[in-house]
């Protein structure tokens, strides 16, 4: 259990999924036994089935499929809610429990995912409430009650989605402020939190992620001879070059000072070598830098790939040692092997 909380640390959606699943265990198990004791086998079967899939959900949190757990939780909630609505639950009060269930499912989803969930659930509840399904065991609601329930459920979905949207926008803005480098506009090293590194490590058996550790040669001399404002402009130019060279799946980070880290996801070695040399050449031939310094500026780049036997930290250390090798060999070069 401690491992599950460590995995979800830093990911609010996953953390919320864990807590809701554990709380659900307690309530669903308790009400399942109460329903079974009272002879309501259909309701107890529904609740125990939800508990069973909840156990699977917790197991998946320890695997690379943990991002899917909130979808599984939402499907469980939808099926349980429709079952309680259709069969009445304990003492025909089942439909009342669907409101907190819907809010719970919507809370762990994004706005787009929540809209899909809400549409599917409302369509299912509409069928149960208003369509003649021809099943005698279903609860038959009075038209006024059915209409009030449906409108209330619709309103709850809308309100919850609006709140989720506000929260997501606020969290996104706050996160961007903490993980963005003010000077270059690239990410800073805070973007590589525990969860991101864990995802890279888990994916290393299925894909090859290349790390490019980039350093501007003789950057201290540039600051000393031309001033820090010129040095800052050089950093901005390199940031622009990195941004232009990246695919949507790649990540460019200002690692610190004049050092930058690029993570190329699902990238074969030939393509990674091409990108690294392209960045080095474009920086060396940049016209704005030639105007500022009256000479070219150069880069040294060390590389490494995550693999089945090489986790992120070790790959980063290897890229750093290769960067040092590029420096010692005369700079303005890319080192791909020892």
C-alpha atoms as a PDB file:
ATOM      1  CA  UNK A   1       0.000   0.000   0.000  1.00  0.00           C
ATOM      2  CA  UNK A   2       2.869   2.359   0.790  1.00  0.00           C
ATOM      3  CA  UNK A   3       4.267   1.693  -2.696  1.00  0.00           C
ATOM      4  CA  UNK A   4       0.935   2.730  -4.247  1.00  0.00           C
ATOM      5  CA  UNK A   5       0.983   6.097  -2.494  1.00  0.00           C
ATOM      6  CA  UNK A   6       4.623   6.637  -3.526  1.00  0.00           C
ATOM      7  CA  UNK A   7       3.754   5.932  -7.183  1.00  0.00           C
ATOM      8  CA  UNK A   8       0.847   8.381  -7.154  1.00  0.00           C
ATOM      9  CA  UNK A   9       2.851  11.103  -5.386  1.00  0.00           C
ATOM     10  CA  UNK A  10       2.927  14.289  -7.452  1.00  0.00           C
ATOM     11  CA  UNK A  11      -0.050  13.245  -9.583  1.00  0.00           C
ATOM     12  CA  UNK A  12      -3.232  14.676  -8.087  1.00  0.00           C
ATOM     13  CA  UNK A  13      -5.551  12.645 -10.317  1.00  0.00           C
ATOM     14  CA  UNK A  14      -3.891   9.374  -9.338  1.00  0.00           C
ATOM     15  CA  UNK A  15      -3.752  10.330  -5.668  1.00  0.00           C
ATOM     16  CA  UNK A  16      -7.466  11.149  -5.749  1.00  0.00           C
ATOM     17  CA  UNK A  17      -8.114   7.822  -7.487  1.00  0.00           C
ATOM     18  CA  UNK A  18      -6.265   5.962  -4.718  1.00  0.00           C
ATOM     19  CA  UNK A  19      -8.177   7.666  -1.907  1.00  0.00           C
ATOM     20  CA  UNK A  20     -11.562   7.257  -3.594  1.00  0.00           C
ATOM     21  CA  UNK A  21     -10.858   3.587  -4.284  1.00  0.00           C
ATOM     22  CA  UNK A  22      -9.898   2.941  -0.649  1.00  0.00           C
ATOM     23  CA  UNK A  23     -12.924   4.835   0.681  1.00  0.00           C
ATOM     24  CA  UNK A  24     -15.084   2.958  -1.806  1.00  0.00           C
ATOM     25  CA  UNK A  25     -13.716  -0.350  -0.478  1.00  0.00           C
ATOM     26  CA  UNK A  26     -15.005   0.434   2.993  1.00  0.00           C
ATOM     27  CA  UNK A  27     -18.474   1.595   2.000  1.00  0.00           C
ATOM     28  CA  UNK A  28     -19.076  -0.914  -0.792  1.00  0.00           C
ATOM     29  CA  UNK A  29     -17.990  -3.865   1.326  1.00  0.00           C
ATOM     30  CA  UNK A  30     -20.146  -2.729   4.248  1.00  0.00           C
ATOM     31  CA  UNK A  31     -23.257  -2.119   2.131  1.00  0.00           C
ATOM     32  CA  UNK A  32     -22.596  -5.322   0.191  1.00  0.00           C
ATOM     33  CA  UNK A  33     -22.799  -7.394   3.363  1.00  0.00           C
ATOM     34  CA  UNK A  34     -25.869  -5.475   4.552  1.00  0.00           C
ATOM     35  CA  UNK A  35     -27.649  -6.118   1.244  1.00  0.00           C
ATOM     36  CA  UNK A  36     -26.632  -9.783   1.269  1.00  0.00           C
ATOM     37  CA  UNK A  37     -27.874 -10.139   4.868  1.00  0.00           C
ATOM     38  CA  UNK A  38     -31.215  -8.578   3.898  1.00  0.00           C
ATOM     39  CA  UNK A  39     -31.623 -10.947   0.969  1.00  0.00           C
ATOM     40  CA  UNK A  40     -31.011  -8.322  -1.743  1.00  0.00           C
ATOM     41  CA  UNK A  41     -28.688 -10.530  -3.763  1.00  0.00           C
ATOM     42  CA  UNK A  42     -28.745  -8.362  -6.894  1.00  0.00           C
ATOM     43  CA  UNK A  43     -27.513  -5.263  -5.048  1.00  0.00           C
ATOM     44  CA  UNK A  44     -24.900  -7.165  -3.026  1.00  0.00           C
ATOM     45  CA  UNK A  45     -23.589  -8.783  -6.249  1.00  0.00           C
ATOM     46  CA  UNK A  46     -23.262  -5.346  -7.856  1.00  0.00           C
ATOM     47  CA  UNK A  47     -21.368  -3.947  -4.863  1.00  0.00           C
ATOM     48  CA  UNK A  48     -19.027  -6.933  -4.511  1.00  0.00           C
ATOM     49  CA  UNK A  49     -18.299  -6.832  -8.255  1.00  0.00           C
ATOM     50  CA  UNK A  50     -17.301  -3.162  -7.869  1.00  0.00           C
ATOM     51  CA  UNK A  51     -14.996  -4.136  -4.970  1.00  0.00           C
ATOM     52  CA  UNK A  52     -13.393  -6.851  -7.127  1.00  0.00           C
ATOM     53  CA  UNK A  53     -12.586  -4.420  -9.920  1.00  0.00           C
ATOM     54  CA  UNK A  54     -11.378  -1.932  -7.311  1.00  0.00           C
ATOM     55  CA  UNK A  55      -8.768  -4.493  -6.223  1.00  0.00           C
ATOM     56  CA  UNK A  56      -7.643  -4.797  -9.848  1.00  0.00           C
ATOM     57  CA  UNK A  57      -7.479  -1.001  -9.959  1.00  0.00           C
ATOM     58  CA  UNK A  58      -5.121  -0.874  -6.981  1.00  0.00           C
ATOM     59  CA  UNK A  59      -2.940  -3.588  -8.506  1.00  0.00           C
ATOM     60  CA  UNK A  60      -2.600  -1.615 -11.748  1.00  0.00           C
ATOM     61  CA  UNK A  61      -1.334   1.388  -9.770  1.00  0.00           C
ATOM     62  CA  UNK A  62       1.921  -0.558  -9.293  1.00  0.00           C
ATOM     63  CA  UNK A  63       2.368  -1.070 -13.036  1.00  0.00           C
ATOM     64  CA  UNK A  64       2.993   1.056 -16.103  1.00  0.00           C
ATOM     65  CA  UNK A  65      -0.772   1.010 -16.757  1.00  0.00           C
ATOM     66  CA  UNK A  66      -1.548   3.132 -13.689  1.00  0.00           C
ATOM     67  CA  UNK A  67      -2.761   6.088 -15.795  1.00  0.00           C
ATOM     68  CA  UNK A  68      -5.680   3.893 -16.894  1.00  0.00           C
ATOM     69  CA  UNK A  69      -6.884   3.331 -13.336  1.00  0.00           C
ATOM     70  CA  UNK A  70      -9.076   6.421 -13.295  1.00  0.00           C
ATOM     71  CA  UNK A  71     -10.843   5.179 -16.442  1.00  0.00           C
ATOM     72  CA  UNK A  72     -11.478   1.819 -14.818  1.00  0.00           C
ATOM     73  CA  UNK A  73     -12.759   3.554 -11.690  1.00  0.00           C
ATOM     74  CA  UNK A  74     -15.130   5.663 -13.806  1.00  0.00           C
ATOM     75  CA  UNK A  75     -16.478   2.612 -15.653  1.00  0.00           C
ATOM     76  CA  UNK A  76     -17.059   0.850 -12.331  1.00  0.00           C
ATOM     77  CA  UNK A  77     -18.906   3.887 -10.996  1.00  0.00           C
ATOM     78  CA  UNK A  78     -21.049   4.202 -14.145  1.00  0.00           C
ATOM     79  CA  UNK A  79     -22.087   0.542 -14.126  1.00  0.00           C
ATOM     80  CA  UNK A  80     -22.752   0.571 -10.395  1.00  0.00           C
ATOM     81  CA  UNK A  81     -24.767   3.802 -10.649  1.00  0.00           C
ATOM     82  CA  UNK A  82     -26.913   2.482 -13.495  1.00  0.00           C
ATOM     83  CA  UNK A  83     -27.431  -0.784 -11.630  1.00  0.00           C
ATOM     84  CA  UNK A  84     -28.596   1.037  -8.495  1.00  0.00           C
ATOM     85  CA  UNK A  85     -30.851   3.240 -10.612  1.00  0.00           C
ATOM     86  CA  UNK A  86     -32.328   0.288 -12.498  1.00  0.00           C
ATOM     87  CA  UNK A  87     -32.903  -2.122  -9.614  1.00  0.00           C
ATOM     88  CA  UNK A  88     -33.504   0.304  -6.777  1.00  0.00           C
ATOM     89  CA  UNK A  89     -30.687  -0.764  -4.474  1.00  0.00           C
ATOM     90  CA  UNK A  90     -31.339  -1.223  -0.762  1.00  0.00           C
ATOM     91  CA  UNK A  91     -34.892  -0.174   0.209  1.00  0.00           C
ATOM     92  CA  UNK A  92     -35.401   1.461  -3.227  1.00  0.00           C
ATOM     93  CA  UNK A  93     -32.970   4.280  -2.313  1.00  0.00           C
ATOM     94  CA  UNK A  94     -30.309   3.280  -4.842  1.00  0.00           C
ATOM     95  CA  UNK A  95     -30.885   6.232  -7.150  1.00  0.00           C
ATOM     96  CA  UNK A  96     -29.942   8.641  -4.347  1.00  0.00           C
ATOM     97  CA  UNK A  97     -26.448   7.132  -4.166  1.00  0.00           C
ATOM     98  CA  UNK A  98     -25.795   7.765  -7.840  1.00  0.00           C
ATOM     99  CA  UNK A  99     -25.247  11.493  -7.291  1.00  0.00           C
ATOM    100  CA  UNK A 100     -22.059  11.209  -5.166  1.00  0.00           C
ATOM    101  CA  UNK A 101     -20.891   8.376  -7.440  1.00  0.00           C
ATOM    102  CA  UNK A 102     -21.146  10.599 -10.529  1.00  0.00           C
ATOM    103  CA  UNK A 103     -19.326  13.460  -8.803  1.00  0.00           C
ATOM    104  CA  UNK A 104     -16.580  11.042  -7.736  1.00  0.00           C
ATOM    105  CA  UNK A 105     -16.063   9.722 -11.268  1.00  0.00           C
ATOM    106  CA  UNK A 106     -16.053  13.178 -12.826  1.00  0.00           C
ATOM    107  CA  UNK A 107     -13.532  14.417 -10.240  1.00  0.00           C
ATOM    108  CA  UNK A 108     -10.829  11.969 -11.387  1.00  0.00           C
ATOM    109  CA  UNK A 109     -11.287  12.689 -15.108  1.00  0.00           C
ATOM    110  CA  UNK A 110     -10.261  15.599 -17.288  1.00  0.00           C
ATOM    111  CA  UNK A 111     -12.936  17.860 -18.758  1.00  0.00           C
ATOM    112  CA  UNK A 112     -12.961  16.078 -22.123  1.00  0.00           C
ATOM    113  CA  UNK A 113     -13.023  12.621 -20.536  1.00  0.00           C
ATOM    114  CA  UNK A 114     -15.659  13.823 -18.060  1.00  0.00           C
ATOM    115  CA  UNK A 115     -17.905  15.030 -20.876  1.00  0.00           C
ATOM    116  CA  UNK A 116     -17.725  11.592 -22.521  1.00  0.00           C
ATOM    117  CA  UNK A 117     -18.499   9.920 -19.196  1.00  0.00           C
ATOM    118  CA  UNK A 118     -21.390  12.287 -18.460  1.00  0.00           C
ATOM    119  CA  UNK A 119     -22.890  11.792 -21.930  1.00  0.00           C
ATOM    120  CA  UNK A 120     -22.673   7.991 -21.647  1.00  0.00           C
ATOM    121  CA  UNK A 121     -24.084   7.928 -18.120  1.00  0.00           C
ATOM    122  CA  UNK A 122     -26.945  10.319 -18.886  1.00  0.00           C
ATOM    123  CA  UNK A 123     -27.820   8.294 -21.986  1.00  0.00           C
ATOM    124  CA  UNK A 124     -27.872   5.108 -19.907  1.00  0.00           C
ATOM    125  CA  UNK A 125     -29.959   6.692 -17.149  1.00  0.00           C
ATOM    126  CA  UNK A 126     -32.386   8.105 -19.722  1.00  0.00           C
ATOM    127  CA  UNK A 127     -32.902   4.576 -21.092  1.00  0.00           C
ATOM    128  CA  UNK A 128     -33.540   3.180 -17.609  1.00  0.00           C
ATOM    129  CA  UNK A 129     -35.904   5.991 -16.617  1.00  0.00           C
ATOM    130  CA  UNK A 130     -37.982   6.586 -19.713  1.00  0.00           C
ATOM    131  CA  UNK A 131     -37.704   3.717 -22.204  1.00  0.00           C
ATOM    132  CA  UNK A 132     -39.917   0.598 -21.925  1.00  0.00           C
ATOM    133  CA  UNK A 133     -37.160  -2.013 -21.599  1.00  0.00           C
ATOM    134  CA  UNK A 134     -39.604  -4.826 -20.838  1.00  0.00           C
ATOM    135  CA  UNK A 135     -37.748  -6.130 -17.763  1.00  0.00           C
ATOM    136  CA  UNK A 136     -40.060  -6.768 -14.843  1.00  0.00           C
ATOM    137  CA  UNK A 137     -37.331  -6.574 -12.209  1.00  0.00           C
ATOM    138  CA  UNK A 138     -36.535  -2.951 -13.074  1.00  0.00           C
ATOM    139  CA  UNK A 139     -37.835  -0.162 -10.846  1.00  0.00           C
ATOM    140  CA  UNK A 140     -40.623   1.809 -12.514  1.00  0.00           C
ATOM    141  CA  UNK A 141     -40.343   5.483 -11.619  1.00  0.00           C
ATOM    142  CA  UNK A 142     -43.155   8.005 -11.691  1.00  0.00           C
ATOM    143  CA  UNK A 143     -42.704  10.448 -14.603  1.00  0.00           C
ATOM    144  CA  UNK A 144     -42.220  13.402 -12.240  1.00  0.00           C
ATOM    145  CA  UNK A 145     -39.600  11.546 -10.182  1.00  0.00           C
ATOM    146  CA  UNK A 146     -37.782  10.322 -13.288  1.00  0.00           C
ATOM    147  CA  UNK A 147     -37.726  13.818 -14.806  1.00  0.00           C
ATOM    148  CA  UNK A 148     -36.466  15.404 -11.580  1.00  0.00           C
ATOM    149  CA  UNK A 149     -33.724  12.804 -11.265  1.00  0.00           C
ATOM    150  CA  UNK A 150     -32.573  13.205 -14.861  1.00  0.00           C
ATOM    151  CA  UNK A 151     -32.481  17.017 -14.685  1.00  0.00           C
ATOM    152  CA  UNK A 152     -30.666  16.874 -11.331  1.00  0.00           C
ATOM    153  CA  UNK A 153     -28.113  14.437 -12.733  1.00  0.00           C
ATOM    154  CA  UNK A 154     -27.610  16.654 -15.785  1.00  0.00           C
ATOM    155  CA  UNK A 155     -27.124  19.722 -13.573  1.00  0.00           C
ATOM    156  CA  UNK A 156     -24.655  17.855 -11.334  1.00  0.00           C
ATOM    157  CA  UNK A 157     -22.593  16.785 -14.346  1.00  0.00           C
ATOM    158  CA  UNK A 158     -22.492  20.332 -15.713  1.00  0.00           C
ATOM    159  CA  UNK A 159     -21.541  21.910 -12.376  1.00  0.00           C
ATOM    160  CA  UNK A 160     -18.858  19.298 -11.662  1.00  0.00           C
ATOM    161  CA  UNK A 161     -17.327  19.660 -15.133  1.00  0.00           C
ATOM    162  CA  UNK A 162     -17.193  23.448 -14.758  1.00  0.00           C
ATOM    163  CA  UNK A 163     -15.421  23.070 -11.395  1.00  0.00           C
ATOM    164  CA  UNK A 164     -13.006  20.492 -12.827  1.00  0.00           C
ATOM    165  CA  UNK A 165     -12.254  22.840 -15.732  1.00  0.00           C
ATOM    166  CA  UNK A 166     -11.531  25.745 -13.372  1.00  0.00           C
ATOM    167  CA  UNK A 167      -9.286  23.541 -11.231  1.00  0.00           C
ATOM    168  CA  UNK A 168      -7.396  22.182 -14.252  1.00  0.00           C
ATOM    169  CA  UNK A 169      -6.774  25.673 -15.656  1.00  0.00           C
ATOM    170  CA  UNK A 170      -5.585  26.932 -12.274  1.00  0.00           C
ATOM    171  CA  UNK A 171      -3.302  23.924 -11.742  1.00  0.00           C
ATOM    172  CA  UNK A 172      -1.932  24.243 -15.279  1.00  0.00           C
ATOM    173  CA  UNK A 173      -1.072  27.919 -14.802  1.00  0.00           C
ATOM    174  CA  UNK A 174       0.549  27.310 -11.427  1.00  0.00           C
ATOM    175  CA  UNK A 175       2.526  24.352 -12.744  1.00  0.00           C
ATOM    176  CA  UNK A 176       3.766  26.302 -15.764  1.00  0.00           C
ATOM    177  CA  UNK A 177       5.043  29.032 -13.474  1.00  0.00           C
ATOM    178  CA  UNK A 178       7.064  26.551 -11.450  1.00  0.00           C
ATOM    179  CA  UNK A 179       8.479  24.475 -14.332  1.00  0.00           C
ATOM    180  CA  UNK A 180       9.216  27.193 -16.907  1.00  0.00           C
ATOM    181  CA  UNK A 181      12.530  28.994 -17.258  1.00  0.00           C
ATOM    182  CA  UNK A 182      11.800  32.729 -17.395  1.00  0.00           C
ATOM    183  CA  UNK A 183      14.693  33.567 -19.712  1.00  0.00           C
ATOM    184  CA  UNK A 184      14.512  30.931 -22.458  1.00  0.00           C
ATOM    185  CA  UNK A 185      10.875  29.853 -22.153  1.00  0.00           C
ATOM    186  CA  UNK A 186      12.002  26.223 -21.962  1.00  0.00           C
ATOM    187  CA  UNK A 187      11.137  23.925 -19.089  1.00  0.00           C
ATOM    188  CA  UNK A 188      13.418  23.921 -16.078  1.00  0.00           C
ATOM    189  CA  UNK A 189      14.604  20.797 -14.254  1.00  0.00           C
ATOM    190  CA  UNK A 190      11.548  20.892 -11.961  1.00  0.00           C
ATOM    191  CA  UNK A 191       9.576  19.357 -14.860  1.00  0.00           C
ATOM    192  CA  UNK A 192      11.368  16.078 -14.137  1.00  0.00           C
ATOM    193  CA  UNK A 193       9.514  15.305 -10.949  1.00  0.00           C
ATOM    194  CA  UNK A 194       9.306  11.856  -9.378  1.00  0.00           C
ATOM    195  CA  UNK A 195       6.341  10.815 -11.520  1.00  0.00           C
ATOM    196  CA  UNK A 196       7.931  11.860 -14.840  1.00  0.00           C
ATOM    197  CA  UNK A 197      11.185  10.013 -14.154  1.00  0.00           C
ATOM    198  CA  UNK A 198       9.233   6.955 -13.025  1.00  0.00           C
ATOM    199  CA  UNK A 199       7.297   6.968 -16.321  1.00  0.00           C
ATOM    200  CA  UNK A 200      10.539   7.156 -18.309  1.00  0.00           C
ATOM    201  CA  UNK A 201      12.000   4.266 -16.315  1.00  0.00           C
ATOM    202  CA  UNK A 202       8.887   2.124 -16.784  1.00  0.00           C
ATOM    203  CA  UNK A 203       8.853   2.762 -20.549  1.00  0.00           C
ATOM    204  CA  UNK A 204      12.526   1.952 -21.136  1.00  0.00           C
ATOM    205  CA  UNK A 205      11.760  -1.728 -21.899  1.00  0.00           C
ATOM    206  CA  UNK A 206       9.455  -0.754 -24.768  1.00  0.00           C
ATOM    207  CA  UNK A 207      11.137   2.298 -26.280  1.00  0.00           C
ATOM    208  CA  UNK A 208      14.460   4.054 -26.549  1.00  0.00           C
ATOM    209  CA  UNK A 209      14.619   7.591 -25.163  1.00  0.00           C
ATOM    210  CA  UNK A 210      17.768   9.528 -26.062  1.00  0.00           C
ATOM    211  CA  UNK A 211      19.210  12.133 -23.709  1.00  0.00           C
ATOM    212  CA  UNK A 212      21.242  15.005 -25.153  1.00  0.00           C
ATOM    213  CA  UNK A 213      23.220  16.957 -22.549  1.00  0.00           C
ATOM    214  CA  UNK A 214      24.274  20.227 -24.186  1.00  0.00           C
ATOM    215  CA  UNK A 215      26.772  22.820 -22.962  1.00  0.00           C
ATOM    216  CA  UNK A 216      27.801  26.141 -24.547  1.00  0.00           C
ATOM    217  CA  UNK A 217      31.576  26.197 -24.997  1.00  0.00           C
ATOM    218  CA  UNK A 218      33.525  28.941 -23.176  1.00  0.00           C
ATOM    219  CA  UNK A 219      30.315  30.564 -21.969  1.00  0.00           C
ATOM    220  CA  UNK A 220      32.082  32.227 -19.024  1.00  0.00           C
ATOM    221  CA  UNK A 221      34.403  34.004 -21.458  1.00  0.00           C
ATOM    222  CA  UNK A 222      31.363  35.236 -23.420  1.00  0.00           C
ATOM    223  CA  UNK A 223      29.896  36.743 -20.231  1.00  0.00           C
ATOM    224  CA  UNK A 224      33.245  38.237 -19.191  1.00  0.00           C
ATOM    225  CA  UNK A 225      34.046  39.729 -22.600  1.00  0.00           C
ATOM    226  CA  UNK A 226      30.613  40.786 -23.862  1.00  0.00           C
ATOM    227  CA  UNK A 227      28.510  41.174 -20.725  1.00  0.00           C
ATOM    228  CA  UNK A 228      25.752  39.115 -19.140  1.00  0.00           C
ATOM    229  CA  UNK A 229      23.044  40.643 -21.351  1.00  0.00           C
ATOM    230  CA  UNK A 230      24.826  39.213 -24.408  1.00  0.00           C
ATOM    231  CA  UNK A 231      25.213  35.893 -22.608  1.00  0.00           C
ATOM    232  CA  UNK A 232      21.492  35.873 -21.875  1.00  0.00           C
ATOM    233  CA  UNK A 233      20.725  36.517 -25.524  1.00  0.00           C
ATOM    234  CA  UNK A 234      22.937  33.575 -26.508  1.00  0.00           C
ATOM    235  CA  UNK A 235      20.940  31.376 -24.121  1.00  0.00           C
ATOM    236  CA  UNK A 236      17.657  32.582 -25.634  1.00  0.00           C
ATOM    237  CA  UNK A 237      18.927  31.813 -29.153  1.00  0.00           C
ATOM    238  CA  UNK A 238      19.880  28.288 -28.125  1.00  0.00           C
ATOM    239  CA  UNK A 239      16.450  27.862 -26.522  1.00  0.00           C
ATOM    240  CA  UNK A 240      14.808  28.884 -29.809  1.00  0.00           C
ATOM    241  CA  UNK A 241      16.964  26.416 -31.759  1.00  0.00           C
ATOM    242  CA  UNK A 242      16.042  23.602 -29.391  1.00  0.00           C
ATOM    243  CA  UNK A 243      12.348  24.443 -29.599  1.00  0.00           C
ATOM    244  CA  UNK A 244      12.481  24.407 -33.403  1.00  0.00           C
ATOM    245  CA  UNK A 245      14.261  21.034 -33.420  1.00  0.00           C
ATOM    246  CA  UNK A 246      11.837  19.253 -31.071  1.00  0.00           C
ATOM    247  CA  UNK A 247       8.887  17.040 -31.933  1.00  0.00           C
ATOM    248  CA  UNK A 248       5.716  17.324 -29.855  1.00  0.00           C
ATOM    249  CA  UNK A 249       6.738  14.256 -27.833  1.00  0.00           C
ATOM    250  CA  UNK A 250      10.245  15.568 -27.030  1.00  0.00           C
ATOM    251  CA  UNK A 251      11.288  17.635 -24.039  1.00  0.00           C
ATOM    252  CA  UNK A 252      13.817  20.503 -23.952  1.00  0.00           C
ATOM    253  CA  UNK A 253      14.986  21.617 -20.510  1.00  0.00           C
ATOM    254  CA  UNK A 254      17.325  24.336 -19.285  1.00  0.00           C
ATOM    255  CA  UNK A 255      19.276  22.141 -16.912  1.00  0.00           C
ATOM    256  CA  UNK A 256      21.185  24.969 -15.251  1.00  0.00           C
ATOM    257  CA  UNK A 257      23.379  27.892 -16.314  1.00  0.00           C
ATOM    258  CA  UNK A 258      24.548  27.252 -19.876  1.00  0.00           C
ATOM    259  CA  UNK A 259      23.643  23.558 -19.749  1.00  0.00           C
ATOM    260  CA  UNK A 260      20.554  22.112 -21.447  1.00  0.00           C
ATOM    261  CA  UNK A 261      18.964  18.659 -21.493  1.00  0.00           C
ATOM    262  CA  UNK A 262      16.919  17.289 -24.400  1.00  0.00           C
ATOM    263  CA  UNK A 263      14.870  14.084 -24.061  1.00  0.00           C
ATOM    264  CA  UNK A 264      14.030  12.513 -27.426  1.00  0.00           C
ATOM    265  CA  UNK A 265      11.250   9.967 -26.917  1.00  0.00           C
ATOM    266  CA  UNK A 266      10.988   6.844 -29.075  1.00  0.00           C
ATOM    267  CA  UNK A 267      14.011   7.942 -31.054  1.00  0.00           C
ATOM    268  CA  UNK A 268      16.357   5.583 -32.959  1.00  0.00           C
ATOM    269  CA  UNK A 269      20.067   6.273 -32.580  1.00  0.00           C
ATOM    270  CA  UNK A 270      20.498   7.441 -36.191  1.00  0.00           C
ATOM    271  CA  UNK A 271      17.773  10.057 -35.790  1.00  0.00           C
ATOM    272  CA  UNK A 272      19.123  11.169 -32.398  1.00  0.00           C
ATOM    273  CA  UNK A 273      22.593  11.655 -33.893  1.00  0.00           C
ATOM    274  CA  UNK A 274      21.111  13.666 -36.751  1.00  0.00           C
ATOM    275  CA  UNK A 275      19.190  15.960 -34.381  1.00  0.00           C
ATOM    276  CA  UNK A 276      22.218  16.482 -32.115  1.00  0.00           C
ATOM    277  CA  UNK A 277      24.469  17.470 -35.017  1.00  0.00           C
ATOM    278  CA  UNK A 278      21.734  19.653 -36.496  1.00  0.00           C
ATOM    279  CA  UNK A 279      21.472  21.577 -33.207  1.00  0.00           C
ATOM    280  CA  UNK A 280      25.272  21.964 -33.021  1.00  0.00           C
ATOM    281  CA  UNK A 281      25.580  23.207 -36.611  1.00  0.00           C
ATOM    282  CA  UNK A 282      22.628  25.616 -36.427  1.00  0.00           C
ATOM    283  CA  UNK A 283      24.035  27.153 -33.256  1.00  0.00           C
ATOM    284  CA  UNK A 284      27.509  27.526 -34.761  1.00  0.00           C
ATOM    285  CA  UNK A 285      26.143  29.134 -37.942  1.00  0.00           C
ATOM    286  CA  UNK A 286      23.538  31.374 -36.269  1.00  0.00           C
ATOM    287  CA  UNK A 287      23.734  34.846 -37.805  1.00  0.00           C
ATOM    288  CA  UNK A 288      22.588  36.675 -34.691  1.00  0.00           C
ATOM    289  CA  UNK A 289      25.388  35.104 -32.642  1.00  0.00           C
ATOM    290  CA  UNK A 290      27.938  36.006 -35.344  1.00  0.00           C
ATOM    291  CA  UNK A 291      26.756  39.634 -35.141  1.00  0.00           C
ATOM    292  CA  UNK A 292      26.966  39.707 -31.342  1.00  0.00           C
ATOM    293  CA  UNK A 293      30.345  38.007 -30.936  1.00  0.00           C
ATOM    294  CA  UNK A 294      31.975  38.608 -34.343  1.00  0.00           C
ATOM    295  CA  UNK A 295      32.786  34.915 -34.272  1.00  0.00           C
ATOM    296  CA  UNK A 296      30.840  31.656 -33.978  1.00  0.00           C
ATOM    297  CA  UNK A 297      29.857  30.093 -30.675  1.00  0.00           C
ATOM    298  CA  UNK A 298      29.924  26.321 -30.361  1.00  0.00           C
ATOM    299  CA  UNK A 299      28.327  23.484 -28.405  1.00  0.00           C
ATOM    300  CA  UNK A 300      29.562  20.284 -26.822  1.00  0.00           C
ATOM    301  CA  UNK A 301      27.000  17.492 -26.569  1.00  0.00           C
ATOM    302  CA  UNK A 302      27.038  14.213 -24.674  1.00  0.00           C
ATOM    303  CA  UNK A 303      24.390  11.590 -25.367  1.00  0.00           C
ATOM    304  CA  UNK A 304      22.980   8.404 -23.864  1.00  0.00           C
ATOM    305  CA  UNK A 305      19.905   6.234 -24.366  1.00  0.00           C
ATOM    306  CA  UNK A 306      17.674   4.729 -21.713  1.00  0.00           C
ATOM    307  CA  UNK A 307      17.350   0.994 -22.227  1.00  0.00           C
ATOM    308  CA  UNK A 308      16.336  -2.193 -20.482  1.00  0.00           C
ATOM    309  CA  UNK A 309      19.446  -2.056 -18.300  1.00  0.00           C
ATOM    310  CA  UNK A 310      19.893   1.719 -18.133  1.00  0.00           C
ATOM    311  CA  UNK A 311      17.500   3.796 -16.044  1.00  0.00           C
ATOM    312  CA  UNK A 312      17.154   7.558 -16.363  1.00  0.00           C
ATOM    313  CA  UNK A 313      19.659   8.533 -13.644  1.00  0.00           C
ATOM    314  CA  UNK A 314      22.355   6.250 -15.039  1.00  0.00           C
ATOM    315  CA  UNK A 315      21.682   7.412 -18.609  1.00  0.00           C
ATOM    316  CA  UNK A 316      21.991  11.027 -17.466  1.00  0.00           C
ATOM    317  CA  UNK A 317      25.295  10.251 -15.728  1.00  0.00           C
ATOM    318  CA  UNK A 318      26.565   8.563 -18.897  1.00  0.00           C
ATOM    319  CA  UNK A 319      25.536  11.561 -21.023  1.00  0.00           C
ATOM    320  CA  UNK A 320      27.393  13.832 -18.579  1.00  0.00           C
ATOM    321  CA  UNK A 321      30.586  11.784 -18.863  1.00  0.00           C
ATOM    322  CA  UNK A 322      30.333  11.913 -22.668  1.00  0.00           C
ATOM    323  CA  UNK A 323      29.798  15.674 -22.512  1.00  0.00           C
ATOM    324  CA  UNK A 324      33.034  15.917 -20.509  1.00  0.00           C
ATOM    325  CA  UNK A 325      34.714  13.788 -23.182  1.00  0.00           C
ATOM    326  CA  UNK A 326      33.480  16.159 -25.922  1.00  0.00           C
ATOM    327  CA  UNK A 327      34.964  19.068 -23.965  1.00  0.00           C
ATOM    328  CA  UNK A 328      38.298  17.308 -23.486  1.00  0.00           C
ATOM    329  CA  UNK A 329      38.515  16.419 -27.195  1.00  0.00           C
ATOM    330  CA  UNK A 330      38.442  20.042 -28.312  1.00  0.00           C
ATOM    331  CA  UNK A 331      34.746  20.978 -27.942  1.00  0.00           C
ATOM    332  CA  UNK A 332      32.249  21.699 -30.779  1.00  0.00           C
ATOM    333  CA  UNK A 333      31.404  18.006 -31.069  1.00  0.00           C
ATOM    334  CA  UNK A 334      28.850  15.301 -30.280  1.00  0.00           C
ATOM    335  CA  UNK A 335      29.965  12.159 -28.434  1.00  0.00           C
ATOM    336  CA  UNK A 336      27.709   9.106 -28.868  1.00  0.00           C
ATOM    337  CA  UNK A 337      29.933   6.374 -27.458  1.00  0.00           C
ATOM    338  CA  UNK A 338      32.829   5.967 -25.073  1.00  0.00           C
END
